[in-house]
Amino acid sequence: MEIFQVIQDTISKPPIPHEPYKQSLKAWAMYCLRDKGFKVVYAQNADFAIEPKGQEKVYFKVTNHPEDVDNSSNWIVWDSETKTVSLFPLT
């Protein structure tokens, strides 16, 4: 899906770097997506959702622990060793 490529590009080349000692991964991801023009909204069973125009909400969870990733949602994951953020779309 094209939207996931845009999100991956957004978190790979963010407007501000993720600095875990300054902001949470959730707050940083939401800021980056809003800066890119996405409508970021509350989600009951995820950390947040985006509402693409004319499409259903896309839900995301965030974690600093790659072992948390499962097939329950799309994931944004911070790797503290490589200091990179990755997107794991729901398969």
C-alpha atoms as a PDB file:
ATOM      1  CA  MET A   1       0.000   0.000   0.000  1.00  0.00           C
ATOM      2  CA  GLU A   2       1.366   3.413  -1.017  1.00  0.00           C
ATOM      3  CA  ILE A   3       0.525   5.040   2.316  1.00  0.00           C
ATOM      4  CA  PHE A   4       2.984   2.781   4.128  1.00  0.00           C
ATOM      5  CA  GLN A   5       5.794   3.886   1.798  1.00  0.00           C
ATOM      6  CA  VAL A   6       5.022   7.536   2.623  1.00  0.00           C
ATOM      7  CA  ILE A   7       5.021   6.739   6.350  1.00  0.00           C
ATOM      8  CA  GLN A   8       8.292   4.795   6.069  1.00  0.00           C
ATOM      9  CA  ASP A   9       9.894   7.719   4.225  1.00  0.00           C
ATOM     10  CA  THR A  10       8.558  10.135   6.858  1.00  0.00           C
ATOM     11  CA  ILE A  11      10.040   8.257   9.803  1.00  0.00           C
ATOM     12  CA  SER A  12      13.262   7.448   7.925  1.00  0.00           C
ATOM     13  CA  LYS A  13      13.855  11.124   7.070  1.00  0.00           C
ATOM     14  CA  PRO A  14      11.973  12.893   9.883  1.00  0.00           C
ATOM     15  CA  PRO A  15      11.587  16.662  10.300  1.00  0.00           C
ATOM     16  CA  ILE A  16      13.230  16.279  13.735  1.00  0.00           C
ATOM     17  CA  PRO A  17      15.350  13.386  15.009  1.00  0.00           C
ATOM     18  CA  HIS A  18      13.911  11.046  17.634  1.00  0.00           C
ATOM     19  CA  GLU A  19      15.635  11.777  20.931  1.00  0.00           C
ATOM     20  CA  PRO A  20      14.304   9.278  23.488  1.00  0.00           C
ATOM     21  CA  TYR A  21      15.488  11.391  26.428  1.00  0.00           C
ATOM     22  CA  LYS A  22      13.390  14.356  25.185  1.00  0.00           C
ATOM     23  CA  GLN A  23      10.155  12.832  23.859  1.00  0.00           C
ATOM     24  CA  SER A  24       8.304   9.557  23.726  1.00  0.00           C
ATOM     25  CA  LEU A  25       8.327   7.521  20.534  1.00  0.00           C
ATOM     26  CA  LYS A  26       4.538   7.939  20.320  1.00  0.00           C
ATOM     27  CA  ALA A  27       4.707  11.744  20.567  1.00  0.00           C
ATOM     28  CA  TRP A  28       7.564  11.882  18.059  1.00  0.00           C
ATOM     29  CA  ALA A  29       5.810   9.609  15.531  1.00  0.00           C
ATOM     30  CA  MET A  30       2.563  11.579  15.824  1.00  0.00           C
ATOM     31  CA  TYR A  31       4.444  14.861  15.323  1.00  0.00           C
ATOM     32  CA  CYS A  32       6.274  13.553  12.240  1.00  0.00           C
ATOM     33  CA  LEU A  33       3.064  12.264  10.656  1.00  0.00           C
ATOM     34  CA  ARG A  34       1.183  15.502  11.386  1.00  0.00           C
ATOM     35  CA  ASP A  35       4.088  17.487   9.937  1.00  0.00           C
ATOM     36  CA  LYS A  36       3.731  15.410   6.746  1.00  0.00           C
ATOM     37  CA  GLY A  37       0.025  16.339   6.588  1.00  0.00           C
ATOM     38  CA  PHE A  38      -1.586  13.229   8.038  1.00  0.00           C
ATOM     39  CA  LYS A  39      -4.643  13.582  10.268  1.00  0.00           C
ATOM     40  CA  VAL A  40      -3.579  11.767  13.450  1.00  0.00           C
ATOM     41  CA  VAL A  41      -6.421  10.770  15.778  1.00  0.00           C
ATOM     42  CA  TYR A  42      -7.141   8.902  19.000  1.00  0.00           C
ATOM     43  CA  ALA A  43      -7.409   5.111  18.793  1.00  0.00           C
ATOM     44  CA  GLN A  44      -8.938   2.979  21.517  1.00  0.00           C
ATOM     45  CA  ASN A  45      -6.997  -0.242  20.899  1.00  0.00           C
ATOM     46  CA  ALA A  46      -3.779   1.246  19.511  1.00  0.00           C
ATOM     47  CA  ASP A  47      -1.461   4.139  20.305  1.00  0.00           C
ATOM     48  CA  PHE A  48      -2.950   6.311  17.553  1.00  0.00           C
ATOM     49  CA  ALA A  49      -4.520   6.154  14.110  1.00  0.00           C
ATOM     50  CA  ILE A  50      -4.308   8.169  10.930  1.00  0.00           C
ATOM     51  CA  GLU A  51      -7.290   9.012   8.760  1.00  0.00           C
ATOM     52  CA  PRO A  52      -6.320   9.071   5.082  1.00  0.00           C
ATOM     53  CA  LYS A  53      -8.822  10.979   2.948  1.00  0.00           C
ATOM     54  CA  GLY A  54     -11.525   8.682   1.640  1.00  0.00           C
ATOM     55  CA  GLN A  55     -10.134   5.610   3.421  1.00  0.00           C
ATOM     56  CA  GLU A  56     -10.632   3.817   6.723  1.00  0.00           C
ATOM     57  CA  LYS A  57      -8.445   4.631   9.716  1.00  0.00           C
ATOM     58  CA  VAL A  58      -5.023   2.988   9.824  1.00  0.00           C
ATOM     59  CA  TYR A  59      -4.007   2.006  13.364  1.00  0.00           C
ATOM     60  CA  PHE A  60      -0.500   2.045  14.849  1.00  0.00           C
ATOM     61  CA  LYS A  61       1.247   0.891  17.974  1.00  0.00           C
ATOM     62  CA  VAL A  62       4.730   2.046  18.937  1.00  0.00           C
ATOM     63  CA  THR A  63       7.437   0.302  20.930  1.00  0.00           C
ATOM     64  CA  ASN A  64      11.073   0.555  21.927  1.00  0.00           C
ATOM     65  CA  HIS A  65      11.252  -3.245  22.087  1.00  0.00           C
ATOM     66  CA  PRO A  66      11.215  -5.091  18.730  1.00  0.00           C
ATOM     67  CA  GLU A  67      10.134  -8.288  20.492  1.00  0.00           C
ATOM     68  CA  ASP A  68       6.742  -6.612  21.192  1.00  0.00           C
ATOM     69  CA  VAL A  69       5.819  -6.630  17.493  1.00  0.00           C
ATOM     70  CA  ASP A  70       2.952  -8.964  16.646  1.00  0.00           C
ATOM     71  CA  ASN A  71       0.191  -9.173  14.046  1.00  0.00           C
ATOM     72  CA  SER A  72      -2.291  -7.131  16.071  1.00  0.00           C
ATOM     73  CA  SER A  73      -1.474  -3.793  14.425  1.00  0.00           C
ATOM     74  CA  ASN A  74       0.925  -1.773  12.302  1.00  0.00           C
ATOM     75  CA  TRP A  75       4.019  -1.013  14.372  1.00  0.00           C
ATOM     76  CA  ILE A  76       6.560   1.796  14.578  1.00  0.00           C
ATOM     77  CA  VAL A  77       9.667   0.497  16.352  1.00  0.00           C
ATOM     78  CA  TRP A  78      12.685   2.328  17.761  1.00  0.00           C
ATOM     79  CA  ASP A  79      15.929   0.338  17.721  1.00  0.00           C
ATOM     80  CA  SER A  80      18.120   1.845  20.431  1.00  0.00           C
ATOM     81  CA  GLU A  81      21.225  -0.010  19.198  1.00  0.00           C
ATOM     82  CA  THR A  82      21.150   1.341  15.635  1.00  0.00           C
ATOM     83  CA  LYS A  83      19.234   4.502  16.596  1.00  0.00           C
ATOM     84  CA  THR A  84      16.762   3.941  13.767  1.00  0.00           C
ATOM     85  CA  VAL A  85      12.996   3.796  13.482  1.00  0.00           C
ATOM     86  CA  SER A  86      11.247   1.146  11.400  1.00  0.00           C
ATOM     87  CA  LEU A  87       7.725   0.554  10.208  1.00  0.00           C
ATOM     88  CA  PHE A  88       6.255  -2.927  10.415  1.00  0.00           C
ATOM     89  CA  PRO A  89       2.957  -2.944   8.492  1.00  0.00           C
ATOM     90  CA  LEU A  90       0.260  -5.415   9.433  1.00  0.00           C
ATOM     91  CA  THR A  91       0.555  -8.484   7.250  1.00  0.00           C
END
